[in-house]
Protein backbone atom coordinates (compact mmCIF):
# COMPACT_ATOMS: atom_id res chain seq x y z
CA MET A 1 142.24 145.23 66.06
CA LYS A 2 140.36 143.91 63.11
CA ILE A 3 136.76 145.24 62.65
CA ASP A 4 134.52 143.30 60.34
CA SER A 5 132.69 145.21 57.67
CA PRO A 6 128.87 144.90 57.51
CA SER A 7 129.19 143.04 54.24
CA SER A 8 131.54 140.33 55.67
CA ILE A 9 129.22 139.43 58.52
CA THR A 10 127.15 136.25 57.93
CA PRO A 11 123.46 136.04 58.91
CA ARG A 12 124.37 133.57 61.69
CA GLU A 13 126.98 135.91 63.13
CA ALA A 14 124.54 138.81 62.95
CA SER A 15 121.91 136.83 64.81
CA ILE A 16 124.46 135.80 67.51
CA ARG A 17 125.53 139.44 68.02
CA LEU A 18 121.92 140.57 68.16
CA GLU A 19 121.08 137.94 70.71
CA TRP A 20 124.14 138.93 72.73
CA ILE A 21 123.06 142.60 72.77
CA SER A 22 119.44 141.81 73.67
CA THR A 23 120.19 139.23 76.37
CA ARG A 24 123.45 140.55 77.92
CA ILE A 25 124.37 144.16 77.14
CA LEU A 26 121.00 145.89 77.35
CA PRO A 27 119.92 143.99 80.52
CA GLY A 28 123.29 144.78 81.97
CA VAL A 29 122.94 148.51 81.40
CA ALA A 30 119.38 148.43 82.82
CA VAL A 31 120.72 146.58 85.94
CA LEU A 32 123.39 149.23 86.42
CA LEU A 33 120.82 152.05 86.12
CA LEU A 34 118.25 150.36 88.36
CA SER A 35 120.91 149.74 90.95
CA ILE A 36 121.38 153.48 91.52
CA PRO A 37 117.87 154.26 92.98
CA LEU A 38 117.90 150.89 94.80
CA CYS A 39 121.25 151.79 96.38
CA GLN A 40 119.98 155.26 97.42
CA TRP A 41 116.84 153.70 99.00
CA ALA A 42 118.84 151.08 100.88
CA ASP A 43 121.29 153.68 102.11
CA SER A 44 118.40 155.92 103.38
CA ILE A 45 116.83 153.16 105.51
CA LEU A 46 120.07 151.80 106.95
CA PRO A 47 121.83 153.50 109.89
CA ASP A 48 124.54 155.97 108.91
CA ASP A 49 127.97 154.51 107.74
CA ILE A 50 127.04 151.01 108.67
CA VAL A 51 127.66 149.79 105.16
CA PRO A 52 129.57 151.72 102.54
CA VAL A 53 127.58 153.03 99.58
CA SER A 54 129.84 151.20 97.13
CA VAL A 55 129.21 147.83 98.82
CA ILE A 56 125.44 148.48 98.67
CA TYR A 57 125.67 149.35 94.97
CA ILE A 58 127.68 146.17 94.23
CA MET A 59 125.10 144.08 96.18
CA SER A 60 122.31 145.74 94.35
CA VAL A 61 123.82 144.93 90.98
CA THR A 62 124.52 141.34 92.04
CA VAL A 63 121.00 140.81 93.19
CA LEU A 64 119.31 142.34 90.16
CA TRP A 65 121.60 140.49 87.70
CA SER A 66 121.02 137.15 89.52
CA ALA A 67 117.21 137.70 89.42
CA TYR A 68 117.37 138.45 85.72
CA MET A 69 119.48 135.40 84.90
CA ALA A 70 117.19 133.14 86.98
CA MET A 71 114.09 134.43 85.20
CA GLN A 72 115.77 134.06 81.80
CA TYR A 73 116.85 130.43 82.44
CA ALA A 74 113.41 129.61 83.85
CA PHE A 75 111.61 130.97 80.69
CA VAL A 76 114.09 129.17 78.44
CA GLY A 77 113.57 125.92 80.26
CA MET A 78 109.81 126.15 79.97
CA SER A 79 109.93 126.95 76.32
CA GLN A 80 112.42 124.08 75.64
CA THR A 81 110.08 121.69 77.54
CA LYS A 82 107.14 122.76 75.43
CA ILE A 83 109.17 122.33 72.16
CA ALA A 84 110.30 118.84 73.26
CA LYS A 85 106.74 117.76 74.08
CA LYS A 86 105.57 118.94 70.67
CA LYS A 87 108.40 117.03 68.93
CA VAL A 88 107.48 113.85 70.82
CA SER A 89 103.83 114.11 69.88
CA ILE A 90 104.66 114.86 66.20
CA GLY A 91 107.13 111.87 66.24
CA LYS A 92 104.44 109.54 67.56
CA THR A 93 101.96 110.73 64.91
CA ASN A 94 104.49 110.16 62.11
CA THR A 95 105.28 106.71 63.43
CA HIS A 96 101.64 105.65 63.44
CA ALA A 97 101.29 107.08 59.90
CA GLU A 98 104.39 105.09 58.64
CA GLU A 99 103.16 101.86 60.24
CA GLY A 100 100.04 102.07 58.11
CA GLN A 101 101.97 102.30 54.87
CA THR A 102 103.28 99.28 52.99
CA PRO A 103 107.04 99.61 52.39
CA ILE A 104 108.10 99.51 48.74
CA LEU A 105 111.18 97.36 48.32
CA LEU A 106 113.81 98.00 45.73
CA LEU A 107 113.67 94.37 44.80
CA GLU A 108 110.29 94.87 43.29
CA ALA A 109 111.97 96.29 40.15
CA LYS A 110 113.69 93.02 39.55
CA PRO A 111 111.08 91.42 37.23
CA PHE A 112 111.70 94.23 34.61
CA ALA A 113 115.02 92.61 33.76
CA ASN A 114 113.22 89.73 31.99
CA GLU A 115 111.17 91.92 29.57
CA PRO A 116 111.93 92.06 25.83
CA GLU A 117 114.92 94.16 24.77
CA ASP A 118 112.91 96.14 22.16
CA ILE A 119 110.97 97.92 24.99
CA ARG A 120 112.88 101.18 25.46
CA PRO A 121 112.23 103.65 28.26
CA VAL A 122 111.11 107.16 27.55
CA ASP A 123 113.94 109.72 27.28
CA GLY A 124 112.85 111.65 30.38
CA VAL A 125 112.52 108.46 32.44
CA GLU A 126 116.02 107.27 31.32
CA ALA A 127 117.57 110.64 32.28
CA PHE A 128 115.92 110.54 35.71
CA THR A 129 117.16 106.91 36.24
CA GLU A 130 120.75 107.84 35.45
CA SER A 131 120.63 110.78 37.96
CA ILE A 132 120.14 108.39 40.95
CA THR A 133 123.34 108.30 42.97
CA ASP A 134 124.75 105.53 45.17
CA ALA A 135 124.04 107.69 48.25
CA GLU A 136 120.34 107.82 47.42
CA VAL A 137 120.17 104.03 47.10
CA VAL A 138 121.89 103.60 50.45
CA ASP A 139 119.49 106.11 52.06
CA GLY A 140 116.56 104.07 50.77
CA ILE A 141 117.99 100.84 52.15
CA VAL A 142 118.60 102.46 55.54
CA GLU A 143 114.95 103.64 55.62
CA GLU A 144 113.72 100.11 54.94
CA VAL A 145 115.97 98.58 57.65
CA SER A 146 114.73 101.16 60.29
CA VAL A 147 111.08 99.95 59.91
CA THR A 148 111.73 96.92 62.12
CA ASP A 149 114.64 95.64 64.25
CA THR A 150 114.43 92.24 62.55
CA LYS A 151 114.03 91.92 58.71
CA VAL A 152 114.20 89.12 56.23
CA ILE A 153 116.75 89.89 53.48
CA GLU A 154 116.21 88.12 50.15
CA GLU A 155 119.53 86.81 48.86
CA PRO A 156 120.28 84.13 46.37
CA ASN A 157 121.14 80.91 48.16
CA PRO A 158 120.99 77.29 47.05
CA ASP A 159 118.20 76.32 49.47
CA ASN A 160 116.15 79.49 48.88
CA GLU A 161 115.91 80.00 52.65
CA PRO A 162 115.72 83.60 53.93
CA SER A 163 118.33 84.68 56.47
CA THR A 164 117.34 86.72 59.47
CA VAL A 165 119.35 89.67 60.76
CA SER A 166 118.53 90.74 64.33
CA SER A 167 119.77 93.78 66.20
CA VAL A 168 120.06 93.56 70.00
CA PRO A 169 119.55 96.88 71.87
CA VAL A 170 122.73 98.04 73.58
CA SER A 171 120.87 99.22 76.65
CA SER A 172 119.54 95.67 77.39
CA THR A 173 122.99 94.04 76.92
CA TYR A 174 124.52 96.70 79.29
CA GLN A 175 121.97 96.09 82.00
CA GLN A 176 122.29 92.36 81.61
CA GLY A 177 125.92 92.61 82.23
CA ILE A 178 125.40 94.74 85.38
CA ASP A 179 122.81 92.20 86.79
CA ASP A 180 125.01 89.20 86.04
CA PHE A 181 127.97 90.81 87.71
CA TYR A 182 126.13 91.72 91.01
CA GLN A 183 124.40 88.30 90.97
CA SER A 184 127.74 86.62 90.72
CA GLN A 185 129.14 88.81 93.59
CA ALA A 186 126.15 87.95 95.77
CA GLU A 187 126.56 84.25 95.16
CA ILE A 188 130.30 84.40 96.02
CA GLN A 189 129.55 86.38 99.24
CA LYS A 190 126.80 83.88 100.29
CA ARG A 191 129.17 80.95 99.67
CA LYS A 192 131.84 82.55 101.83
CA LEU A 193 129.40 83.29 104.70
CA ASN A 194 127.96 79.67 104.59
CA THR A 195 131.55 78.26 104.74
CA ILE A 196 132.47 80.48 107.69
CA GLN A 197 129.31 79.70 109.55
CA GLU A 198 129.86 75.98 109.14
CA TYR A 199 133.37 76.41 110.52
CA ILE A 200 132.23 78.36 113.59
CA CYS A 201 129.52 75.91 114.40
CA TYR A 202 131.90 73.00 114.20
CA ILE A 203 134.95 74.50 115.96
CA MET A 204 133.00 76.31 118.75
CA SER A 205 130.60 73.45 119.52
CA PRO A 206 132.59 72.34 122.65
CA PHE A 207 132.61 75.85 124.09
CA ILE A 208 129.17 77.45 123.11
CA TYR A 209 125.79 76.05 124.06
CA GLU A 210 123.65 74.87 121.16
CA GLU A 211 120.83 77.31 121.95
CA ASP A 212 123.35 80.24 121.83
CA MET A 213 125.16 79.20 118.60
CA ASP A 214 122.99 81.17 116.21
CA GLU A 215 123.54 84.40 118.16
CA PHE A 216 127.22 83.74 118.50
CA CYS A 217 127.59 83.03 114.74
CA THR A 218 125.55 86.06 113.76
CA ASP A 219 127.86 88.48 115.45
CA LEU A 220 130.96 86.90 113.86
CA LEU A 221 129.35 86.93 110.45
CA ARG A 222 128.57 90.66 110.79
CA PHE A 223 132.34 91.11 111.28
CA ALA A 224 132.94 88.89 108.22
CA MET A 225 130.77 91.24 106.14
CA ASP A 226 132.20 94.45 107.47
CA HIS A 227 135.77 94.82 108.70
CA SER A 228 134.87 98.05 110.54
CA TYR A 229 132.05 96.36 112.57
CA ARG A 230 132.58 96.75 116.36
CA PRO A 231 130.29 94.74 118.79
CA GLU A 232 128.58 96.59 121.58
CA VAL A 233 127.91 93.58 123.83
CA GLU A 234 130.52 91.26 125.28
CA TRP A 235 130.00 87.46 125.00
CA LYS A 236 130.11 85.91 128.50
CA ARG A 237 128.31 82.55 128.24
CA TYR A 238 130.70 79.58 127.67
CA LYS A 239 130.49 75.88 128.31
CA THR A 240 134.25 75.53 128.73
CA LYS A 241 136.70 78.23 129.53
CA LEU A 242 138.75 79.67 126.58
CA SER A 243 141.85 81.86 126.55
CA SER A 244 142.72 84.93 124.51
CA PHE A 245 144.90 82.75 122.32
CA ASP A 246 141.83 80.72 121.34
CA VAL A 247 139.67 83.70 120.31
CA ARG A 248 142.59 85.26 118.54
CA HIS A 249 143.15 82.07 116.48
CA LEU A 250 139.41 81.92 115.79
CA VAL A 251 139.26 85.46 114.46
CA TRP A 252 142.48 85.00 112.51
CA ASN A 253 141.23 81.84 110.82
CA ILE A 254 138.27 83.81 109.53
CA ALA A 255 139.97 87.10 108.62
CA THR A 256 142.87 85.38 106.73
CA ARG A 257 140.44 83.83 104.33
CA LEU A 258 138.74 87.19 103.64
CA GLY A 259 141.99 89.08 103.15
CA LEU A 260 144.19 89.87 106.09
CA GLY A 261 147.34 91.99 105.81
CA LYS A 262 148.78 95.17 104.41
CA GLY A 263 146.68 96.50 101.47
CA LYS A 264 143.96 94.00 102.09
CA ILE A 265 140.40 94.35 103.57
CA TYR A 266 141.19 93.25 107.10
CA SER A 267 144.01 94.41 109.31
CA ASN A 268 145.36 93.20 112.58
CA ASP A 269 143.93 96.33 114.24
CA ASP A 270 140.43 95.39 113.00
CA CYS A 271 140.72 91.95 114.48
CA ALA A 272 142.18 93.21 117.77
CA CYS A 273 139.34 95.84 118.20
CA TYR A 274 136.72 93.15 117.58
CA ILE A 275 138.40 90.75 120.07
CA GLU A 276 138.80 93.19 122.97
CA ARG A 277 135.14 94.25 122.67
CA ARG A 278 133.51 90.86 122.07
CA PHE A 279 135.77 88.68 124.34
CA ALA A 280 136.87 91.30 126.92
CA SER A 281 136.72 88.97 129.88
CA LEU A 282 139.10 86.46 128.11
CA CYS A 283 141.64 89.13 127.23
CA LYS A 284 142.97 89.68 130.74
CA MET A 285 146.25 88.82 132.45
CA THR A 286 146.45 86.75 135.72
CA ASN A 287 146.36 89.92 137.79
CA GLY A 288 143.13 91.03 136.23
CA GLU A 289 144.64 93.77 134.00
CA PRO A 290 143.42 93.83 130.40
CA LEU A 291 145.80 92.87 127.67
CA SER A 292 147.10 95.70 125.55
CA HIS A 293 145.93 96.38 122.05
CA ASN A 294 149.38 95.63 120.71
CA THR A 295 149.28 92.19 122.35
CA LEU A 296 145.90 91.42 120.84
CA ARG A 297 147.27 92.41 117.40
CA ASN A 298 149.54 89.34 117.51
CA LEU A 299 146.83 86.97 116.33
CA SER A 300 148.83 83.85 115.38
CA VAL A 301 150.92 83.58 118.56
CA THR A 302 150.56 80.14 120.22
CA SER A 303 150.81 78.66 123.70
CA ASN A 304 150.85 75.18 125.22
CA SER A 305 147.21 75.48 126.35
CA ASP A 306 145.66 76.35 123.00
CA GLN A 307 142.38 74.66 122.31
CA ILE A 308 141.73 76.38 118.94
CA HIS A 309 144.81 76.37 116.67
CA CYS A 310 145.61 78.51 113.64
CA ASP A 311 144.05 76.89 110.55
CA TYR A 312 146.26 77.89 107.62
CA PRO A 313 144.37 78.03 104.34
CA GLY A 314 145.01 75.28 101.81
CA LYS A 315 144.97 75.51 98.01
CA GLU A 316 141.22 76.09 97.96
CA GLY A 317 141.78 79.36 99.81
CA LEU A 318 138.42 79.58 101.53
CA LEU A 319 137.83 76.13 103.03
CA PHE A 320 138.72 75.16 106.57
CA HIS A 321 140.28 71.94 107.87
CA ILE A 322 137.20 70.36 109.20
CA PRO A 323 135.70 67.01 108.08
CA SER A 324 132.76 68.56 106.13
CA GLN A 325 135.03 70.79 103.98
CA LEU A 326 138.58 69.62 103.47
CA GLY A 327 137.92 66.21 104.95
CA CYS A 328 141.11 66.16 107.20
CA ALA A 329 141.75 66.62 110.81
CA CYS A 330 140.01 69.60 112.47
CA SER A 331 141.92 72.72 113.34
CA ARG A 332 141.65 72.06 117.09
CA GLY A 333 144.27 69.32 116.63
CA ARG A 334 146.61 71.18 114.12
CA ASN A 335 149.58 73.24 115.21
């Protein structure tokens, strides 16, 4: 094991070791010592042999050490907060002081180049000028640019027109990207719901009363926004009798445009659960027994008595085969 000699220890290492001794080792020894009388006191007030003395001692050490660490971090946090507030107030004061000063540009030294050659600088001034390094010049330019976000740079150009260099804050660009993204998503979602509502109103008009259409559409649109939505009330008011094939085709036509299938948002189980709750009275056999869940999962199955047929999506993907959208024959007449 290598032991550092006192002469090889740097001041930083010495301060770190001193801090470790004062904040960890000495408090740890004090906790171990204070735990002894605390353990004896706890053991005296507890019933005999209910808790071993060793467990009481370990608990005492844990409690005292936790209390010490909590107090230490609390004091450190308060001190850091005070230091941060002082730095902020000092920074504001310096900023106001700098705003009142007129910046001295390096270009102000330009006119000296046109003076007569027989004027020679003093030896001390010449030596001082030669000692200026490229890094110092760059630092001066950086300080001038930091005064404002937008600065006019004088460069030789044929039209003598100053060029403007503007810096856009990264935070504003980042937030603008987030706002544009969510706005675009909201517009897409709104367009989908409007298209679906228009289809429901058209295709269900022979079967649902006009005064009930808003309520009927609202429940289906809730399912269109959330695949896990399950209605609590069955729909029973119809103008004309429908079959389970019709409502299965209706739900399939909507879900397939929102993403239906393996690895997509909607599944056949989602659609079957919605159908057997919302249209329970339609999903029964001739003997009155309800159709099974597996039967309702078969959404695109057809029969000779279908009034609402499967409307397979076209190239547009979202639009339905109704006159106001694709301009062709409605899905009630398509097989």
